Amino acid sequence: MRKAIYLLVLGTMTIGTIGLFAARAWSQAKPARGFDRLKTLVGTWESASPQGGILTNTIRLVSNGSALEETFQSSEDDQMVTLYTADGDRLALTHYCAAGNQPRMETLAITGDPKEFDFSFTGITNLMNPNSGHMHHLLIQIADQDYFTEQWTWRENGKDRIHTIHFTRRKS
């Protein structure tokens, strides 16, 4: 009888352990190809700011490689952070803006080896009213390993203004 109970407990533990590893493997699905391409931007980048200073952009992998954190810093503005994640075969972002709101955007399904990422507005938190200024669109174009461009669209009172930033990788 003791042997039967021992085998029952051992079998239950084995099935539980297998289930745990299967659940972990399922939750760590391979990210979209586009996310892998976006990860090539990890590093420190610089651009001339419109006010004549330097805009520094630091991109790093966070959350066990499941997200990219982009941090903008200039001498003129407060720091802003954008987090990028894979969402199946799409990419999603949340931009933590110096304006105090947090727009969310997403690409369409990404296939192949993209050099361009077109993020469209899907929602926002902490917007004072529908006419308040916020980032509404982002286009990222990767030229090569040392150059990329971000084209941000700022929407306020129903009108769009495009801000284009050309980044060059900082050499150590």
N, C-alpha and C. Protein backbone atom coordinates (compact mmCIF):
# COMPACT_ATOMS: atom_id res chain seq x y z
N MET A 1 0.82 -1.19 0.00
CA MET A 1 0.00 0.00 0.00
C MET A 1 0.87 1.26 0.00
N ARG A 2 1.93 1.23 0.83
CA ARG A 2 2.82 2.38 0.87
C ARG A 2 3.47 2.63 -0.49
N LYS A 3 3.82 1.54 -1.16
CA LYS A 3 4.45 1.66 -2.47
C LYS A 3 3.47 2.29 -3.46
N ALA A 4 2.20 1.95 -3.40
CA ALA A 4 1.19 2.51 -4.30
C ALA A 4 1.03 4.01 -4.04
N ILE A 5 1.00 4.42 -2.78
CA ILE A 5 0.87 5.84 -2.43
C ILE A 5 2.12 6.59 -2.91
N TYR A 6 3.30 5.99 -2.70
CA TYR A 6 4.54 6.61 -3.13
C TYR A 6 4.53 6.82 -4.64
N LEU A 7 4.12 5.82 -5.40
CA LEU A 7 4.08 5.94 -6.86
C LEU A 7 3.04 6.98 -7.31
N LEU A 8 1.93 7.06 -6.62
CA LEU A 8 0.89 8.04 -6.94
C LEU A 8 1.42 9.47 -6.72
N VAL A 9 2.09 9.70 -5.59
CA VAL A 9 2.65 11.02 -5.29
C VAL A 9 3.74 11.37 -6.29
N LEU A 10 4.61 10.41 -6.59
CA LEU A 10 5.69 10.64 -7.54
C LEU A 10 5.13 10.96 -8.93
N GLY A 11 4.11 10.24 -9.35
CA GLY A 11 3.49 10.49 -10.65
C GLY A 11 2.84 11.86 -10.71
N THR A 12 2.17 12.26 -9.64
CA THR A 12 1.53 13.57 -9.58
C THR A 12 2.57 14.68 -9.66
N MET A 13 3.68 14.51 -8.94
CA MET A 13 4.75 15.52 -8.98
C MET A 13 5.36 15.62 -10.38
N THR A 14 5.55 14.49 -11.03
CA THR A 14 6.14 14.48 -12.37
C THR A 14 5.22 15.19 -13.36
N ILE A 15 3.95 14.90 -13.33
CA ILE A 15 2.98 15.55 -14.22
C ILE A 15 2.93 17.04 -13.94
N GLY A 16 2.96 17.43 -12.67
CA GLY A 16 2.95 18.85 -12.31
C GLY A 16 4.19 19.58 -12.82
N THR A 17 5.34 18.92 -12.71
CA THR A 17 6.59 19.53 -13.19
C THR A 17 6.57 19.69 -14.70
N ILE A 18 6.11 18.67 -15.42
CA ILE A 18 6.01 18.76 -16.88
C ILE A 18 5.04 19.87 -17.27
N GLY A 19 3.93 19.97 -16.56
CA GLY A 19 2.95 21.03 -16.83
C GLY A 19 3.53 22.41 -16.61
N LEU A 20 4.33 22.56 -15.57
CA LEU A 20 4.97 23.85 -15.29
C LEU A 20 5.91 24.25 -16.42
N PHE A 21 6.75 23.31 -16.88
CA PHE A 21 7.67 23.62 -17.97
C PHE A 21 6.92 23.89 -19.27
N ALA A 22 5.87 23.18 -19.52
CA ALA A 22 5.07 23.41 -20.74
C ALA A 22 4.42 24.78 -20.70
N ALA A 23 3.90 25.18 -19.54
CA ALA A 23 3.28 26.51 -19.41
C ALA A 23 4.32 27.60 -19.61
N ARG A 24 5.51 27.39 -19.07
CA ARG A 24 6.57 28.39 -19.24
C ARG A 24 6.98 28.50 -20.71
N ALA A 25 7.12 27.37 -21.39
CA ALA A 25 7.48 27.39 -22.81
C ALA A 25 6.40 28.08 -23.62
N TRP A 26 5.14 27.84 -23.29
CA TRP A 26 4.03 28.46 -24.01
C TRP A 26 4.05 29.98 -23.81
N SER A 27 4.35 30.44 -22.59
CA SER A 27 4.34 31.87 -22.31
C SER A 27 5.54 32.58 -22.92
N GLN A 28 6.56 31.84 -23.34
CA GLN A 28 7.74 32.46 -23.93
C GLN A 28 7.78 32.16 -25.43
N ALA A 29 6.65 32.41 -26.10
CA ALA A 29 6.58 32.18 -27.53
C ALA A 29 7.60 33.05 -28.24
N LYS A 30 8.10 32.56 -29.36
CA LYS A 30 9.09 33.31 -30.13
C LYS A 30 8.48 34.63 -30.58
N PRO A 31 9.19 35.75 -30.31
CA PRO A 31 8.66 37.06 -30.70
C PRO A 31 8.66 37.24 -32.21
N ALA A 32 7.93 38.22 -32.64
CA ALA A 32 7.82 38.54 -34.06
C ALA A 32 9.20 38.84 -34.64
N ARG A 33 9.38 38.49 -35.91
CA ARG A 33 10.63 38.79 -36.60
C ARG A 33 10.97 40.27 -36.51
N GLY A 34 9.96 41.09 -36.59
CA GLY A 34 10.16 42.53 -36.52
C GLY A 34 10.82 42.93 -35.21
N PHE A 35 10.47 42.26 -34.13
CA PHE A 35 11.07 42.57 -32.84
C PHE A 35 12.57 42.25 -32.87
N ASP A 36 12.92 41.13 -33.50
CA ASP A 36 14.34 40.79 -33.63
C ASP A 36 15.08 41.87 -34.41
N ARG A 37 14.47 42.40 -35.45
CA ARG A 37 15.10 43.47 -36.24
C ARG A 37 15.23 44.74 -35.41
N LEU A 38 14.19 45.06 -34.64
CA LEU A 38 14.23 46.26 -33.80
C LEU A 38 15.32 46.15 -32.73
N LYS A 39 15.61 44.92 -32.27
CA LYS A 39 16.64 44.71 -31.26
C LYS A 39 18.04 45.10 -31.77
N THR A 40 18.22 45.19 -33.09
CA THR A 40 19.52 45.60 -33.62
C THR A 40 19.83 47.05 -33.28
N LEU A 41 18.83 47.79 -32.79
CA LEU A 41 19.03 49.18 -32.41
C LEU A 41 19.57 49.35 -30.99
N VAL A 42 19.76 48.26 -30.26
CA VAL A 42 20.28 48.37 -28.90
C VAL A 42 21.61 49.11 -28.94
N GLY A 43 21.71 50.14 -28.10
CA GLY A 43 22.93 50.94 -28.04
C GLY A 43 22.59 52.39 -27.72
N THR A 44 23.57 53.26 -27.88
CA THR A 44 23.38 54.69 -27.63
C THR A 44 23.49 55.44 -28.95
N TRP A 45 22.55 56.34 -29.16
CA TRP A 45 22.42 57.08 -30.41
C TRP A 45 22.39 58.58 -30.11
N GLU A 46 22.77 59.38 -31.12
CA GLU A 46 22.72 60.83 -30.95
C GLU A 46 22.12 61.48 -32.19
N SER A 47 21.55 62.67 -31.95
CA SER A 47 20.99 63.48 -33.01
C SER A 47 21.09 64.94 -32.58
N ALA A 48 21.19 65.83 -33.56
CA ALA A 48 21.15 67.26 -33.25
C ALA A 48 19.71 67.62 -32.93
N SER A 49 19.49 68.33 -31.83
CA SER A 49 18.14 68.76 -31.48
C SER A 49 17.81 70.04 -32.24
N PRO A 50 16.54 70.34 -32.45
CA PRO A 50 16.16 71.57 -33.15
C PRO A 50 16.68 72.84 -32.46
N GLN A 51 16.90 72.77 -31.15
CA GLN A 51 17.38 73.92 -30.40
C GLN A 51 18.90 74.05 -30.45
N GLY A 52 19.58 73.14 -31.15
CA GLY A 52 21.02 73.22 -31.30
C GLY A 52 21.81 72.34 -30.37
N GLY A 53 21.17 71.68 -29.45
CA GLY A 53 21.87 70.79 -28.53
C GLY A 53 21.95 69.38 -29.10
N ILE A 54 22.23 68.44 -28.23
CA ILE A 54 22.33 67.03 -28.61
C ILE A 54 21.20 66.26 -27.94
N LEU A 55 20.52 65.44 -28.72
CA LEU A 55 19.51 64.52 -28.21
C LEU A 55 20.17 63.16 -28.12
N THR A 56 20.15 62.58 -26.93
CA THR A 56 20.70 61.24 -26.72
C THR A 56 19.56 60.25 -26.60
N ASN A 57 19.71 59.15 -27.29
CA ASN A 57 18.69 58.10 -27.31
C ASN A 57 19.38 56.80 -26.93
N THR A 58 18.99 56.23 -25.80
CA THR A 58 19.57 54.97 -25.34
C THR A 58 18.52 53.88 -25.46
N ILE A 59 18.88 52.79 -26.15
CA ILE A 59 17.95 51.67 -26.35
C ILE A 59 18.58 50.43 -25.73
N ARG A 60 17.80 49.76 -24.87
CA ARG A 60 18.31 48.56 -24.21
C ARG A 60 17.21 47.52 -24.08
N LEU A 61 17.63 46.26 -24.02
CA LEU A 61 16.70 45.16 -23.78
C LEU A 61 16.37 45.10 -22.29
N VAL A 62 15.11 44.88 -21.96
CA VAL A 62 14.68 44.75 -20.58
C VAL A 62 13.71 43.57 -20.47
N SER A 63 13.35 43.23 -19.26
CA SER A 63 12.36 42.17 -18.99
C SER A 63 12.72 40.85 -19.66
N ASN A 64 13.95 40.41 -19.39
CA ASN A 64 14.43 39.14 -19.90
C ASN A 64 14.40 39.08 -21.43
N GLY A 65 14.66 40.22 -22.06
CA GLY A 65 14.72 40.28 -23.52
C GLY A 65 13.37 40.37 -24.21
N SER A 66 12.29 40.56 -23.45
CA SER A 66 10.95 40.59 -24.05
C SER A 66 10.48 42.00 -24.39
N ALA A 67 11.27 43.01 -24.02
CA ALA A 67 10.89 44.40 -24.31
C ALA A 67 12.13 45.22 -24.60
N LEU A 68 11.94 46.26 -25.40
CA LEU A 68 12.98 47.25 -25.66
C LEU A 68 12.58 48.54 -24.97
N GLU A 69 13.52 49.13 -24.26
CA GLU A 69 13.28 50.41 -23.61
C GLU A 69 14.11 51.47 -24.33
N GLU A 70 13.44 52.49 -24.83
CA GLU A 70 14.10 53.60 -25.51
C GLU A 70 13.96 54.83 -24.63
N THR A 71 15.08 55.48 -24.30
CA THR A 71 15.06 56.64 -23.42
C THR A 71 15.66 57.84 -24.17
N PHE A 72 14.81 58.86 -24.36
CA PHE A 72 15.25 60.12 -24.98
C PHE A 72 15.66 61.09 -23.88
N GLN A 73 16.78 61.76 -24.10
CA GLN A 73 17.19 62.79 -23.15
C GLN A 73 17.85 63.93 -23.93
N SER A 74 17.41 65.15 -23.64
CA SER A 74 18.06 66.32 -24.21
C SER A 74 18.25 67.34 -23.10
N SER A 75 19.01 68.36 -23.39
CA SER A 75 19.22 69.40 -22.38
C SER A 75 17.99 70.29 -22.26
N GLU A 76 17.11 70.28 -23.28
CA GLU A 76 15.94 71.16 -23.29
C GLU A 76 14.70 70.53 -22.64
N ASP A 77 14.54 69.22 -22.78
CA ASP A 77 13.30 68.55 -22.35
C ASP A 77 13.56 67.53 -21.26
N ASP A 78 12.48 67.19 -20.57
CA ASP A 78 12.55 66.10 -19.61
C ASP A 78 12.72 64.79 -20.37
N GLN A 79 13.16 63.79 -19.66
CA GLN A 79 13.35 62.48 -20.23
C GLN A 79 12.01 61.88 -20.68
N MET A 80 12.03 61.16 -21.81
CA MET A 80 10.85 60.42 -22.27
C MET A 80 11.27 58.98 -22.52
N VAL A 81 10.35 58.05 -22.28
CA VAL A 81 10.63 56.63 -22.43
C VAL A 81 9.57 56.00 -23.33
N THR A 82 10.01 55.12 -24.22
CA THR A 82 9.10 54.33 -25.04
C THR A 82 9.45 52.86 -24.84
N LEU A 83 8.46 52.04 -24.58
CA LEU A 83 8.66 50.59 -24.45
C LEU A 83 8.05 49.89 -25.65
N TYR A 84 8.83 49.02 -26.29
CA TYR A 84 8.40 48.25 -27.46
C TYR A 84 8.33 46.78 -27.07
N THR A 85 7.27 46.10 -27.50
CA THR A 85 7.13 44.67 -27.25
C THR A 85 6.56 43.99 -28.49
N ALA A 86 6.82 42.69 -28.60
CA ALA A 86 6.19 41.90 -29.65
C ALA A 86 4.78 41.55 -29.20
N ASP A 87 3.86 41.53 -30.14
CA ASP A 87 2.48 41.11 -29.89
C ASP A 87 2.10 40.18 -31.03
N GLY A 88 2.50 38.91 -30.89
CA GLY A 88 2.30 37.98 -31.99
C GLY A 88 3.20 38.39 -33.15
N ASP A 89 2.61 38.61 -34.34
CA ASP A 89 3.41 39.02 -35.49
C ASP A 89 3.41 40.54 -35.69
N ARG A 90 2.95 41.25 -34.67
CA ARG A 90 2.96 42.72 -34.70
C ARG A 90 3.90 43.23 -33.61
N LEU A 91 4.15 44.55 -33.64
CA LEU A 91 4.88 45.21 -32.57
C LEU A 91 3.96 46.23 -31.92
N ALA A 92 4.10 46.39 -30.62
CA ALA A 92 3.30 47.37 -29.88
C ALA A 92 4.25 48.27 -29.10
N LEU A 93 3.79 49.49 -28.84
CA LEU A 93 4.59 50.41 -28.03
C LEU A 93 3.69 51.21 -27.11
N THR A 94 4.27 51.64 -26.01
CA THR A 94 3.68 52.66 -25.14
C THR A 94 4.74 53.73 -24.96
N HIS A 95 4.35 54.97 -25.24
CA HIS A 95 5.26 56.11 -25.14
C HIS A 95 4.91 56.91 -23.89
N TYR A 96 5.87 57.04 -22.98
CA TYR A 96 5.68 57.79 -21.74
C TYR A 96 6.20 59.20 -21.99
N CYS A 97 5.29 60.06 -22.39
CA CYS A 97 5.62 61.37 -22.94
C CYS A 97 5.86 62.43 -21.86
N ALA A 98 6.71 63.39 -22.17
CA ALA A 98 6.94 64.53 -21.28
C ALA A 98 5.66 65.35 -21.12
N ALA A 99 4.71 65.20 -22.04
CA ALA A 99 3.43 65.90 -21.94
C ALA A 99 2.54 65.30 -20.84
N GLY A 100 2.96 64.15 -20.29
CA GLY A 100 2.22 63.54 -19.18
C GLY A 100 1.18 62.52 -19.60
N ASN A 101 1.11 62.20 -20.89
CA ASN A 101 0.17 61.16 -21.33
C ASN A 101 0.95 59.96 -21.86
N GLN A 102 0.24 58.88 -22.13
CA GLN A 102 0.88 57.64 -22.53
C GLN A 102 0.16 57.02 -23.73
N PRO A 103 0.50 57.48 -24.96
CA PRO A 103 -0.12 56.89 -26.14
C PRO A 103 0.37 55.46 -26.39
N ARG A 104 -0.52 54.64 -26.92
CA ARG A 104 -0.20 53.27 -27.32
C ARG A 104 -0.35 53.18 -28.84
N MET A 105 0.57 52.47 -29.45
CA MET A 105 0.54 52.30 -30.91
C MET A 105 0.92 50.87 -31.26
N GLU A 106 0.58 50.47 -32.49
CA GLU A 106 0.83 49.11 -32.93
C GLU A 106 1.06 49.08 -34.44
N THR A 107 1.90 48.15 -34.89
CA THR A 107 2.10 47.94 -36.32
C THR A 107 1.08 46.94 -36.84
N LEU A 108 0.97 46.83 -38.13
CA LEU A 108 0.27 45.71 -38.75
C LEU A 108 1.19 44.50 -38.65
N ALA A 109 0.73 43.34 -39.11
CA ALA A 109 1.56 42.14 -39.10
C ALA A 109 2.85 42.39 -39.87
N ILE A 110 3.97 41.93 -39.33
CA ILE A 110 5.28 42.14 -39.94
C ILE A 110 5.78 40.81 -40.50
N THR A 111 6.23 40.85 -41.75
CA THR A 111 6.80 39.66 -42.38
C THR A 111 8.16 40.01 -42.95
N GLY A 112 8.95 39.00 -43.23
CA GLY A 112 10.26 39.23 -43.83
C GLY A 112 11.22 39.91 -42.88
N ASP A 113 12.16 40.66 -43.46
CA ASP A 113 13.18 41.38 -42.70
C ASP A 113 12.93 42.86 -42.90
N PRO A 114 12.07 43.45 -42.10
CA PRO A 114 11.66 44.84 -42.34
C PRO A 114 12.76 45.85 -42.03
N LYS A 115 12.73 46.94 -42.74
CA LYS A 115 13.61 48.07 -42.46
C LYS A 115 12.78 49.27 -42.03
N GLU A 116 11.46 49.09 -42.04
CA GLU A 116 10.54 50.17 -41.69
C GLU A 116 9.44 49.63 -40.79
N PHE A 117 9.11 50.40 -39.76
CA PHE A 117 8.08 50.03 -38.80
C PHE A 117 7.09 51.17 -38.70
N ASP A 118 5.85 50.92 -39.04
CA ASP A 118 4.81 51.95 -39.10
C ASP A 118 3.81 51.70 -37.96
N PHE A 119 3.91 52.52 -36.90
CA PHE A 119 3.06 52.37 -35.71
C PHE A 119 1.88 53.32 -35.79
N SER A 120 0.68 52.78 -35.64
CA SER A 120 -0.54 53.58 -35.65
C SER A 120 -1.16 53.63 -34.26
N PHE A 121 -1.78 54.72 -33.96
CA PHE A 121 -2.42 55.00 -32.67
C PHE A 121 -3.52 53.98 -32.36
N THR A 122 -3.51 53.42 -31.14
CA THR A 122 -4.57 52.50 -30.71
C THR A 122 -5.29 52.97 -29.45
N GLY A 123 -4.69 53.91 -28.71
CA GLY A 123 -5.32 54.39 -27.48
C GLY A 123 -4.35 55.22 -26.68
N ILE A 124 -4.85 55.78 -25.59
CA ILE A 124 -4.01 56.66 -24.77
C ILE A 124 -4.57 56.72 -23.35
N THR A 125 -3.69 56.92 -22.40
CA THR A 125 -4.10 57.17 -21.02
C THR A 125 -3.65 58.58 -20.63
N ASN A 126 -4.37 59.14 -19.68
CA ASN A 126 -4.05 60.43 -19.08
C ASN A 126 -4.10 61.59 -20.07
N LEU A 127 -5.05 61.54 -21.01
CA LEU A 127 -5.23 62.65 -21.95
C LEU A 127 -6.28 63.58 -21.37
N MET A 128 -5.94 64.86 -21.23
CA MET A 128 -6.84 65.84 -20.60
C MET A 128 -8.18 65.93 -21.34
N ASN A 129 -8.11 66.06 -22.67
CA ASN A 129 -9.31 66.09 -23.51
C ASN A 129 -8.90 65.68 -24.91
N PRO A 130 -9.84 65.33 -25.77
CA PRO A 130 -9.49 64.81 -27.11
C PRO A 130 -8.63 65.76 -27.95
N ASN A 131 -8.64 67.06 -27.67
CA ASN A 131 -7.84 68.01 -28.44
C ASN A 131 -6.46 68.26 -27.86
N SER A 132 -6.17 67.67 -26.70
CA SER A 132 -4.86 67.87 -26.08
C SER A 132 -3.77 67.23 -26.94
N GLY A 133 -2.59 67.82 -26.87
CA GLY A 133 -1.48 67.33 -27.66
C GLY A 133 -0.99 65.97 -27.21
N HIS A 134 -0.68 65.12 -28.19
CA HIS A 134 -0.14 63.79 -27.91
C HIS A 134 0.52 63.22 -29.17
N MET A 135 1.43 62.29 -28.98
CA MET A 135 2.03 61.58 -30.10
C MET A 135 0.96 60.63 -30.66
N HIS A 136 0.82 60.66 -31.99
CA HIS A 136 -0.28 59.92 -32.61
C HIS A 136 0.19 58.87 -33.63
N HIS A 137 1.45 58.97 -34.04
CA HIS A 137 1.95 58.04 -35.05
C HIS A 137 3.47 58.03 -34.96
N LEU A 138 4.07 56.89 -35.31
CA LEU A 138 5.53 56.78 -35.35
C LEU A 138 5.93 55.92 -36.54
N LEU A 139 6.90 56.41 -37.30
CA LEU A 139 7.51 55.64 -38.38
C LEU A 139 9.00 55.53 -38.07
N ILE A 140 9.50 54.30 -37.96
CA ILE A 140 10.92 54.05 -37.74
C ILE A 140 11.48 53.47 -39.03
N GLN A 141 12.58 54.04 -39.51
CA GLN A 141 13.25 53.55 -40.72
C GLN A 141 14.71 53.26 -40.37
N ILE A 142 15.11 52.00 -40.55
CA ILE A 142 16.48 51.59 -40.25
C ILE A 142 17.27 51.60 -41.55
N ALA A 143 18.26 52.50 -41.65
CA ALA A 143 19.09 52.59 -42.86
C ALA A 143 20.16 51.49 -42.86
N ASP A 144 20.88 51.38 -41.75
CA ASP A 144 21.89 50.35 -41.59
C ASP A 144 22.23 50.27 -40.10
N GLN A 145 23.32 49.59 -39.75
CA GLN A 145 23.63 49.38 -38.34
C GLN A 145 24.01 50.65 -37.59
N ASP A 146 24.30 51.74 -38.32
CA ASP A 146 24.74 52.97 -37.67
C ASP A 146 23.80 54.16 -37.83
N TYR A 147 22.71 54.00 -38.58
CA TYR A 147 21.79 55.11 -38.84
C TYR A 147 20.34 54.63 -38.85
N PHE A 148 19.49 55.39 -38.16
CA PHE A 148 18.05 55.17 -38.29
C PHE A 148 17.32 56.48 -38.05
N THR A 149 16.07 56.51 -38.49
CA THR A 149 15.25 57.71 -38.41
C THR A 149 13.95 57.40 -37.70
N GLU A 150 13.52 58.31 -36.85
CA GLU A 150 12.18 58.24 -36.26
C GLU A 150 11.40 59.46 -36.71
N GLN A 151 10.18 59.22 -37.16
CA GLN A 151 9.30 60.30 -37.59
C GLN A 151 8.05 60.24 -36.71
N TRP A 152 8.00 61.14 -35.72
CA TRP A 152 6.90 61.19 -34.77
C TRP A 152 5.85 62.18 -35.25
N THR A 153 4.58 61.83 -35.12
CA THR A 153 3.49 62.75 -35.45
C THR A 153 2.81 63.19 -34.16
N TRP A 154 2.84 64.50 -33.92
CA TRP A 154 2.21 65.13 -32.76
C TRP A 154 0.85 65.65 -33.22
N ARG A 155 -0.22 65.24 -32.54
CA ARG A 155 -1.57 65.70 -32.88
C ARG A 155 -2.09 66.59 -31.76
N GLU A 156 -2.54 67.78 -32.15
CA GLU A 156 -3.12 68.72 -31.18
C GLU A 156 -4.20 69.54 -31.89
N ASN A 157 -5.37 69.64 -31.26
CA ASN A 157 -6.51 70.36 -31.84
C ASN A 157 -6.81 69.88 -33.25
N GLY A 158 -6.67 68.58 -33.48
CA GLY A 158 -7.00 67.99 -34.78
C GLY A 158 -5.97 68.21 -35.87
N LYS A 159 -4.85 68.85 -35.54
CA LYS A 159 -3.82 69.12 -36.54
C LYS A 159 -2.56 68.32 -36.21
N ASP A 160 -1.91 67.81 -37.25
CA ASP A 160 -0.70 67.01 -37.09
C ASP A 160 0.55 67.82 -37.42
N ARG A 161 1.60 67.61 -36.61
CA ARG A 161 2.93 68.15 -36.87
C ARG A 161 3.91 67.00 -36.83
N ILE A 162 4.75 66.90 -37.84
CA ILE A 162 5.70 65.79 -37.92
C ILE A 162 7.07 66.26 -37.45
N HIS A 163 7.69 65.46 -36.57
CA HIS A 163 9.04 65.71 -36.07
C HIS A 163 9.91 64.55 -36.55
N THR A 164 10.90 64.85 -37.36
CA THR A 164 11.80 63.83 -37.87
C THR A 164 13.15 63.93 -37.16
N ILE A 165 13.63 62.78 -36.68
CA ILE A 165 14.90 62.74 -35.94
C ILE A 165 15.79 61.70 -36.61
N HIS A 166 16.97 62.12 -37.03
CA HIS A 166 17.96 61.24 -37.66
C HIS A 166 19.01 60.88 -36.62
N PHE A 167 19.10 59.60 -36.31
CA PHE A 167 20.03 59.14 -35.27
C PHE A 167 21.28 58.49 -35.87
N THR A 168 22.40 58.74 -35.23
CA THR A 168 23.68 58.11 -35.56
C THR A 168 24.17 57.38 -34.32
N ARG A 169 24.61 56.12 -34.52
CA ARG A 169 25.10 55.34 -33.39
C ARG A 169 26.36 55.98 -32.80
N ARG A 170 26.38 56.12 -31.48
CA ARG A 170 27.56 56.66 -30.80
C ARG A 170 28.63 55.59 -30.78
N LYS A 171 29.82 55.97 -31.23
CA LYS A 171 30.96 55.04 -31.22
C LYS A 171 31.67 55.13 -29.88
N SER A 172 32.02 53.96 -29.31
CA SER A 172 32.68 54.00 -28.01
C SER A 172 34.15 54.24 -28.13
